[in-house]
Amino acid sequence: MAFTPEERARVRRYLGYPVLSGGELIDRAVLPAGITTVSFVLEEALDRVLPEAEYMVREQMQRIACIEQLQQQSYQTQLVVAAGRVEFAGGAAISNLSAAYVLETAKLADLINAPKFPLSELHDRIGGTDEGCVDEPC
């Protein structure tokens, strides 16, 4: 069973791809013309996933969805670390989940043999371009 349009959209989002079509990206001057070819690489990679391996991609997407859900919960929850002087540890949980997000999206990119989007602010901010850093500032 091939990936549904919704599954393809989730993969694009997880790997930092814009939700606009290649033509819209160029028309709106969001990206230089050459960068849009990366989107086609991702689409071709999804088309080449073997039918017997599609479940692995879906399982990886589920892991990423769980991390996103935990991130949202972390934004709403703060843990008190010390009672004498109140200290909150919510930032550590968000930082740890960001590291997990970087790792799991990298696994997804490796699994389908497609790159994360090179101009993704999210992946650049939480994962660093080459250093693999997680905390801001790097």
N, C-alpha and C. Protein backbone atom coordinates (compact mmCIF):
# COMPACT_ATOMS: atom_id res chain seq x y z
N MET A 1 0.85 -1.18 0.00
CA MET A 1 0.00 0.00 0.00
C MET A 1 0.89 1.24 0.00
N ALA A 2 0.70 2.11 -0.94
CA ALA A 2 1.51 3.33 -1.06
C ALA A 2 1.14 4.31 0.06
N PHE A 3 2.01 5.27 0.29
CA PHE A 3 1.74 6.28 1.31
C PHE A 3 0.61 7.19 0.86
N THR A 4 -0.27 7.52 1.79
CA THR A 4 -1.38 8.41 1.50
C THR A 4 -0.86 9.85 1.39
N PRO A 5 -1.63 10.74 0.78
CA PRO A 5 -1.21 12.15 0.73
C PRO A 5 -0.98 12.73 2.13
N GLU A 6 -1.78 12.31 3.11
CA GLU A 6 -1.61 12.79 4.48
C GLU A 6 -0.30 12.31 5.08
N GLU A 7 0.06 11.04 4.82
CA GLU A 7 1.33 10.52 5.32
C GLU A 7 2.51 11.24 4.67
N ARG A 8 2.40 11.50 3.39
CA ARG A 8 3.46 12.24 2.69
C ARG A 8 3.61 13.65 3.28
N ALA A 9 2.49 14.27 3.58
CA ALA A 9 2.53 15.62 4.17
C ALA A 9 3.20 15.58 5.54
N ARG A 10 2.92 14.55 6.33
CA ARG A 10 3.55 14.41 7.64
C ARG A 10 5.06 14.22 7.51
N VAL A 11 5.48 13.39 6.56
CA VAL A 11 6.92 13.19 6.35
C VAL A 11 7.57 14.51 5.96
N ARG A 12 6.94 15.25 5.04
CA ARG A 12 7.50 16.55 4.64
C ARG A 12 7.63 17.48 5.85
N ARG A 13 6.61 17.52 6.66
CA ARG A 13 6.66 18.41 7.83
C ARG A 13 7.73 17.95 8.81
N TYR A 14 7.79 16.65 9.09
CA TYR A 14 8.79 16.14 10.04
C TYR A 14 10.21 16.44 9.58
N LEU A 15 10.44 16.43 8.28
CA LEU A 15 11.78 16.68 7.76
C LEU A 15 12.02 18.14 7.42
N GLY A 16 11.08 19.01 7.79
CA GLY A 16 11.28 20.45 7.66
C GLY A 16 10.95 21.05 6.31
N TYR A 17 10.24 20.31 5.47
CA TYR A 17 9.89 20.83 4.14
C TYR A 17 8.70 21.77 4.22
N PRO A 18 8.69 22.84 3.42
CA PRO A 18 7.54 23.75 3.40
C PRO A 18 6.29 23.01 2.92
N VAL A 19 5.14 23.52 3.31
CA VAL A 19 3.88 22.89 2.90
C VAL A 19 3.33 23.51 1.62
N LEU A 20 4.17 24.23 0.90
CA LEU A 20 3.79 24.80 -0.39
C LEU A 20 4.34 23.95 -1.51
N SER A 21 3.70 23.99 -2.68
CA SER A 21 4.22 23.25 -3.83
C SER A 21 5.48 23.93 -4.35
N GLY A 22 6.25 23.21 -5.13
CA GLY A 22 7.49 23.77 -5.69
C GLY A 22 7.25 25.03 -6.49
N GLY A 23 6.19 25.04 -7.30
CA GLY A 23 5.87 26.23 -8.08
C GLY A 23 5.52 27.43 -7.22
N GLU A 24 4.75 27.19 -6.14
CA GLU A 24 4.39 28.28 -5.23
C GLU A 24 5.62 28.83 -4.51
N LEU A 25 6.55 27.95 -4.18
CA LEU A 25 7.77 28.39 -3.50
C LEU A 25 8.56 29.35 -4.38
N ILE A 26 8.65 29.03 -5.66
CA ILE A 26 9.39 29.89 -6.59
C ILE A 26 8.60 31.17 -6.86
N ASP A 27 7.29 31.03 -7.12
CA ASP A 27 6.46 32.20 -7.41
C ASP A 27 6.47 33.21 -6.27
N ARG A 28 6.48 32.73 -5.06
CA ARG A 28 6.46 33.62 -3.89
C ARG A 28 7.86 34.04 -3.47
N ALA A 29 8.86 33.60 -4.23
CA ALA A 29 10.26 33.92 -3.94
C ALA A 29 10.66 33.46 -2.54
N VAL A 30 10.07 32.36 -2.11
CA VAL A 30 10.42 31.80 -0.81
C VAL A 30 11.77 31.10 -0.90
N LEU A 31 12.01 30.44 -2.03
CA LEU A 31 13.24 29.68 -2.21
C LEU A 31 13.84 29.95 -3.58
N PRO A 32 15.15 29.84 -3.70
CA PRO A 32 15.75 29.88 -5.02
C PRO A 32 15.32 28.64 -5.82
N ALA A 33 15.30 28.75 -7.12
CA ALA A 33 14.79 27.68 -7.98
C ALA A 33 15.48 26.35 -7.73
N GLY A 34 16.77 26.32 -7.51
CA GLY A 34 17.50 25.06 -7.34
C GLY A 34 17.11 24.29 -6.10
N ILE A 35 16.69 24.96 -5.06
CA ILE A 35 16.37 24.29 -3.81
C ILE A 35 15.11 23.44 -3.93
N THR A 36 14.20 23.82 -4.81
CA THR A 36 12.95 23.06 -4.91
C THR A 36 13.19 21.63 -5.38
N THR A 37 14.32 21.37 -6.02
CA THR A 37 14.59 20.00 -6.45
C THR A 37 14.72 19.06 -5.26
N VAL A 38 15.08 19.58 -4.10
CA VAL A 38 15.18 18.74 -2.90
C VAL A 38 13.81 18.14 -2.58
N SER A 39 12.75 18.91 -2.79
CA SER A 39 11.40 18.40 -2.55
C SER A 39 11.10 17.20 -3.44
N PHE A 40 11.56 17.27 -4.68
CA PHE A 40 11.33 16.15 -5.60
C PHE A 40 12.12 14.92 -5.17
N VAL A 41 13.30 15.13 -4.61
CA VAL A 41 14.10 14.02 -4.09
C VAL A 41 13.32 13.29 -3.00
N LEU A 42 12.70 14.05 -2.11
CA LEU A 42 11.92 13.45 -1.03
C LEU A 42 10.75 12.66 -1.59
N GLU A 43 10.02 13.24 -2.53
CA GLU A 43 8.87 12.55 -3.11
C GLU A 43 9.29 11.25 -3.81
N GLU A 44 10.39 11.30 -4.54
CA GLU A 44 10.89 10.10 -5.21
C GLU A 44 11.32 9.05 -4.19
N ALA A 45 11.93 9.50 -3.11
CA ALA A 45 12.35 8.56 -2.06
C ALA A 45 11.14 7.84 -1.47
N LEU A 46 10.06 8.57 -1.24
CA LEU A 46 8.85 7.93 -0.72
C LEU A 46 8.26 6.95 -1.71
N ASP A 47 8.37 7.26 -2.99
CA ASP A 47 7.87 6.34 -4.02
C ASP A 47 8.69 5.06 -4.09
N ARG A 48 9.97 5.13 -3.69
CA ARG A 48 10.87 3.98 -3.81
C ARG A 48 10.87 3.07 -2.58
N VAL A 49 10.18 3.46 -1.52
CA VAL A 49 10.15 2.61 -0.33
C VAL A 49 9.48 1.29 -0.71
N LEU A 50 10.15 0.21 -0.36
CA LEU A 50 9.61 -1.11 -0.68
C LEU A 50 8.32 -1.35 0.10
N PRO A 51 7.34 -1.99 -0.53
CA PRO A 51 6.07 -2.24 0.15
C PRO A 51 6.24 -2.94 1.49
N GLU A 52 7.17 -3.88 1.55
CA GLU A 52 7.37 -4.62 2.80
C GLU A 52 8.08 -3.79 3.86
N ALA A 53 8.58 -2.60 3.51
CA ALA A 53 9.27 -1.74 4.48
C ALA A 53 8.45 -0.51 4.86
N GLU A 54 7.28 -0.35 4.24
CA GLU A 54 6.46 0.83 4.53
C GLU A 54 6.07 0.90 6.00
N TYR A 55 5.87 -0.24 6.63
CA TYR A 55 5.48 -0.24 8.05
C TYR A 55 6.56 0.41 8.90
N MET A 56 7.84 0.26 8.52
CA MET A 56 8.94 0.87 9.30
C MET A 56 8.86 2.39 9.25
N VAL A 57 8.53 2.92 8.08
CA VAL A 57 8.38 4.37 7.94
C VAL A 57 7.20 4.84 8.78
N ARG A 58 6.11 4.12 8.72
CA ARG A 58 4.93 4.50 9.51
C ARG A 58 5.22 4.42 11.02
N GLU A 59 5.95 3.40 11.44
CA GLU A 59 6.31 3.29 12.86
C GLU A 59 7.20 4.46 13.28
N GLN A 60 8.13 4.85 12.42
CA GLN A 60 9.01 5.98 12.73
C GLN A 60 8.20 7.27 12.82
N MET A 61 7.24 7.44 11.92
CA MET A 61 6.38 8.63 11.98
C MET A 61 5.59 8.65 13.29
N GLN A 62 5.18 7.48 13.75
CA GLN A 62 4.44 7.40 15.02
C GLN A 62 5.32 7.81 16.18
N ARG A 63 6.60 7.40 16.16
CA ARG A 63 7.52 7.82 17.23
C ARG A 63 7.65 9.34 17.26
N ILE A 64 7.77 9.94 16.08
CA ILE A 64 7.92 11.39 16.00
C ILE A 64 6.64 12.08 16.49
N ALA A 65 5.48 11.53 16.11
CA ALA A 65 4.21 12.10 16.58
C ALA A 65 4.12 12.04 18.10
N CYS A 66 4.61 10.96 18.71
CA CYS A 66 4.59 10.84 20.17
C CYS A 66 5.49 11.90 20.80
N ILE A 67 6.65 12.14 20.21
CA ILE A 67 7.56 13.17 20.73
C ILE A 67 6.90 14.53 20.65
N GLU A 68 6.24 14.82 19.53
CA GLU A 68 5.55 16.10 19.39
C GLU A 68 4.46 16.26 20.46
N GLN A 69 3.74 15.19 20.73
CA GLN A 69 2.70 15.23 21.75
C GLN A 69 3.31 15.49 23.13
N LEU A 70 4.41 14.84 23.43
CA LEU A 70 5.09 15.08 24.71
C LEU A 70 5.63 16.49 24.81
N GLN A 71 6.10 17.04 23.68
CA GLN A 71 6.56 18.43 23.68
C GLN A 71 5.43 19.37 24.03
N GLN A 72 4.27 19.17 23.44
CA GLN A 72 3.13 20.01 23.74
C GLN A 72 2.74 19.91 25.21
N GLN A 73 2.79 18.72 25.76
CA GLN A 73 2.48 18.54 27.18
C GLN A 73 3.53 19.23 28.05
N SER A 74 4.80 19.21 27.62
CA SER A 74 5.87 19.85 28.39
C SER A 74 5.70 21.36 28.42
N TYR A 75 5.19 21.93 27.35
CA TYR A 75 4.96 23.37 27.34
C TYR A 75 3.89 23.76 28.37
N GLN A 76 2.99 22.84 28.65
CA GLN A 76 1.89 23.13 29.57
C GLN A 76 2.21 22.72 31.01
N THR A 77 3.29 22.00 31.22
CA THR A 77 3.62 21.47 32.54
C THR A 77 5.00 21.94 32.96
N GLN A 78 5.10 22.40 34.17
CA GLN A 78 6.38 22.78 34.73
C GLN A 78 6.61 21.95 35.99
N LEU A 79 7.81 21.42 36.14
CA LEU A 79 8.14 20.63 37.32
C LEU A 79 8.94 21.48 38.31
N VAL A 80 8.57 21.42 39.56
CA VAL A 80 9.33 22.13 40.59
C VAL A 80 10.48 21.23 41.01
N VAL A 81 11.71 21.77 40.93
CA VAL A 81 12.90 21.01 41.27
C VAL A 81 13.25 21.16 42.74
N ALA A 82 13.16 22.36 43.28
CA ALA A 82 13.53 22.60 44.68
C ALA A 82 12.42 23.41 45.34
N ALA A 83 12.11 23.07 46.60
CA ALA A 83 11.03 23.77 47.30
C ALA A 83 11.52 25.02 48.03
N GLY A 84 12.75 25.02 48.57
CA GLY A 84 13.27 26.17 49.30
C GLY A 84 13.30 27.41 48.43
N ARG A 85 13.90 27.31 47.34
CA ARG A 85 13.82 28.38 46.34
C ARG A 85 13.22 27.72 45.11
N VAL A 86 12.18 28.23 44.61
CA VAL A 86 11.43 27.59 43.54
C VAL A 86 12.25 27.62 42.25
N GLU A 87 12.42 26.45 41.70
CA GLU A 87 13.20 26.30 40.48
C GLU A 87 12.39 25.39 39.55
N PHE A 88 12.21 25.81 38.33
CA PHE A 88 11.40 25.04 37.39
C PHE A 88 12.29 24.27 36.42
N ALA A 89 11.89 23.03 36.12
CA ALA A 89 12.68 22.18 35.24
C ALA A 89 11.98 21.88 33.93
N GLY A 90 10.96 22.63 33.58
CA GLY A 90 10.25 22.37 32.33
C GLY A 90 11.12 22.54 31.11
N GLY A 91 12.06 23.46 31.17
CA GLY A 91 12.96 23.69 30.03
C GLY A 91 13.81 22.49 29.72
N ALA A 92 14.24 21.75 30.75
CA ALA A 92 15.06 20.56 30.52
C ALA A 92 14.28 19.49 29.76
N ALA A 93 13.01 19.33 30.11
CA ALA A 93 12.19 18.34 29.41
C ALA A 93 12.03 18.72 27.94
N ILE A 94 11.79 19.99 27.68
CA ILE A 94 11.64 20.44 26.30
C ILE A 94 12.95 20.25 25.54
N SER A 95 14.07 20.56 26.18
CA SER A 95 15.37 20.38 25.55
C SER A 95 15.64 18.91 25.23
N ASN A 96 15.32 18.03 26.18
CA ASN A 96 15.52 16.60 25.95
C ASN A 96 14.63 16.09 24.83
N LEU A 97 13.39 16.57 24.78
CA LEU A 97 12.48 16.15 23.70
C LEU A 97 12.93 16.71 22.36
N SER A 98 13.52 17.89 22.36
CA SER A 98 14.06 18.45 21.12
C SER A 98 15.19 17.57 20.60
N ALA A 99 16.04 17.10 21.50
CA ALA A 99 17.12 16.19 21.11
C ALA A 99 16.55 14.90 20.54
N ALA A 100 15.50 14.38 21.17
CA ALA A 100 14.86 13.16 20.67
C ALA A 100 14.23 13.41 19.30
N TYR A 101 13.64 14.59 19.11
CA TYR A 101 13.04 14.93 17.81
C TYR A 101 14.09 14.95 16.72
N VAL A 102 15.24 15.57 17.00
CA VAL A 102 16.33 15.62 16.03
C VAL A 102 16.77 14.21 15.66
N LEU A 103 16.95 13.36 16.68
CA LEU A 103 17.38 11.99 16.45
C LEU A 103 16.36 11.20 15.63
N GLU A 104 15.09 11.27 16.02
CA GLU A 104 14.07 10.48 15.34
C GLU A 104 13.80 10.96 13.92
N THR A 105 13.86 12.27 13.69
CA THR A 105 13.68 12.75 12.31
C THR A 105 14.90 12.39 11.47
N ALA A 106 16.08 12.33 12.07
CA ALA A 106 17.27 11.88 11.34
C ALA A 106 17.12 10.41 10.96
N LYS A 107 16.56 9.61 11.87
CA LYS A 107 16.32 8.20 11.57
C LYS A 107 15.33 8.06 10.41
N LEU A 108 14.29 8.90 10.41
CA LEU A 108 13.33 8.88 9.31
C LEU A 108 14.01 9.25 7.99
N ALA A 109 14.82 10.29 8.00
CA ALA A 109 15.54 10.70 6.79
C ALA A 109 16.44 9.57 6.29
N ASP A 110 17.13 8.90 7.21
CA ASP A 110 17.99 7.78 6.82
C ASP A 110 17.18 6.61 6.29
N LEU A 111 16.05 6.35 6.92
CA LEU A 111 15.21 5.22 6.54
C LEU A 111 14.73 5.33 5.10
N ILE A 112 14.35 6.55 4.69
CA ILE A 112 13.84 6.72 3.32
C ILE A 112 14.91 7.25 2.38
N ASN A 113 16.13 7.48 2.90
CA ASN A 113 17.26 7.97 2.11
C ASN A 113 16.94 9.30 1.44
N ALA A 114 16.46 10.24 2.26
CA ALA A 114 16.16 11.59 1.78
C ALA A 114 16.67 12.59 2.82
N PRO A 115 17.13 13.74 2.37
CA PRO A 115 17.67 14.71 3.33
C PRO A 115 16.58 15.50 4.04
N LYS A 116 16.94 16.00 5.23
CA LYS A 116 16.09 17.01 5.85
C LYS A 116 16.19 18.25 4.97
N PHE A 117 15.18 19.09 5.02
CA PHE A 117 15.17 20.28 4.17
C PHE A 117 16.30 21.21 4.59
N PRO A 118 17.18 21.60 3.64
CA PRO A 118 18.37 22.38 4.01
C PRO A 118 18.11 23.77 4.56
N LEU A 119 16.95 24.35 4.28
CA LEU A 119 16.65 25.69 4.78
C LEU A 119 15.66 25.68 5.95
N SER A 120 15.49 24.53 6.58
CA SER A 120 14.55 24.41 7.70
C SER A 120 15.08 25.16 8.91
N GLU A 121 14.33 26.16 9.33
CA GLU A 121 14.69 26.90 10.54
C GLU A 121 14.59 26.01 11.77
N LEU A 122 13.57 25.17 11.83
CA LEU A 122 13.39 24.30 12.98
C LEU A 122 14.58 23.38 13.17
N HIS A 123 14.96 22.67 12.11
CA HIS A 123 16.04 21.71 12.24
C HIS A 123 17.38 22.41 12.46
N ASP A 124 17.55 23.59 11.89
CA ASP A 124 18.78 24.34 12.11
C ASP A 124 18.85 24.83 13.54
N ARG A 125 17.71 25.28 14.08
CA ARG A 125 17.68 25.84 15.43
C ARG A 125 17.87 24.78 16.51
N ILE A 126 17.13 23.68 16.41
CA ILE A 126 17.21 22.70 17.49
C ILE A 126 18.28 21.64 17.25
N GLY A 127 18.71 21.48 16.02
CA GLY A 127 19.68 20.42 15.75
C GLY A 127 21.02 20.90 15.30
N GLY A 128 21.14 22.18 14.98
CA GLY A 128 22.40 22.66 14.45
C GLY A 128 22.59 22.17 13.04
N THR A 129 23.38 22.85 12.26
CA THR A 129 23.59 22.44 10.88
C THR A 129 24.54 21.26 10.78
N ASP A 130 25.67 21.33 11.46
CA ASP A 130 26.63 20.23 11.41
C ASP A 130 27.12 19.82 12.78
N GLU A 131 26.90 20.66 13.77
CA GLU A 131 27.46 20.37 15.08
C GLU A 131 26.64 19.38 15.87
N GLY A 132 25.37 19.23 15.57
CA GLY A 132 24.51 18.31 16.32
C GLY A 132 24.10 18.86 17.68
N CYS A 133 24.21 20.18 17.85
CA CYS A 133 23.85 20.78 19.14
C CYS A 133 22.34 20.80 19.30
N VAL A 134 21.90 20.87 20.54
CA VAL A 134 20.47 20.88 20.80
C VAL A 134 20.06 22.15 21.52
N ASP A 135 20.77 22.56 22.52
CA ASP A 135 20.38 23.71 23.32
C ASP A 135 20.75 25.01 22.62
N GLU A 136 19.89 26.01 22.80
CA GLU A 136 20.18 27.34 22.30
C GLU A 136 20.85 28.13 23.39
N PRO A 137 21.79 28.98 23.14
CA PRO A 137 22.50 29.09 21.87
C PRO A 137 23.57 28.02 21.75
N CYS A 138 23.94 27.70 20.53
CA CYS A 138 24.95 26.67 20.30
C CYS A 138 26.34 27.26 20.47
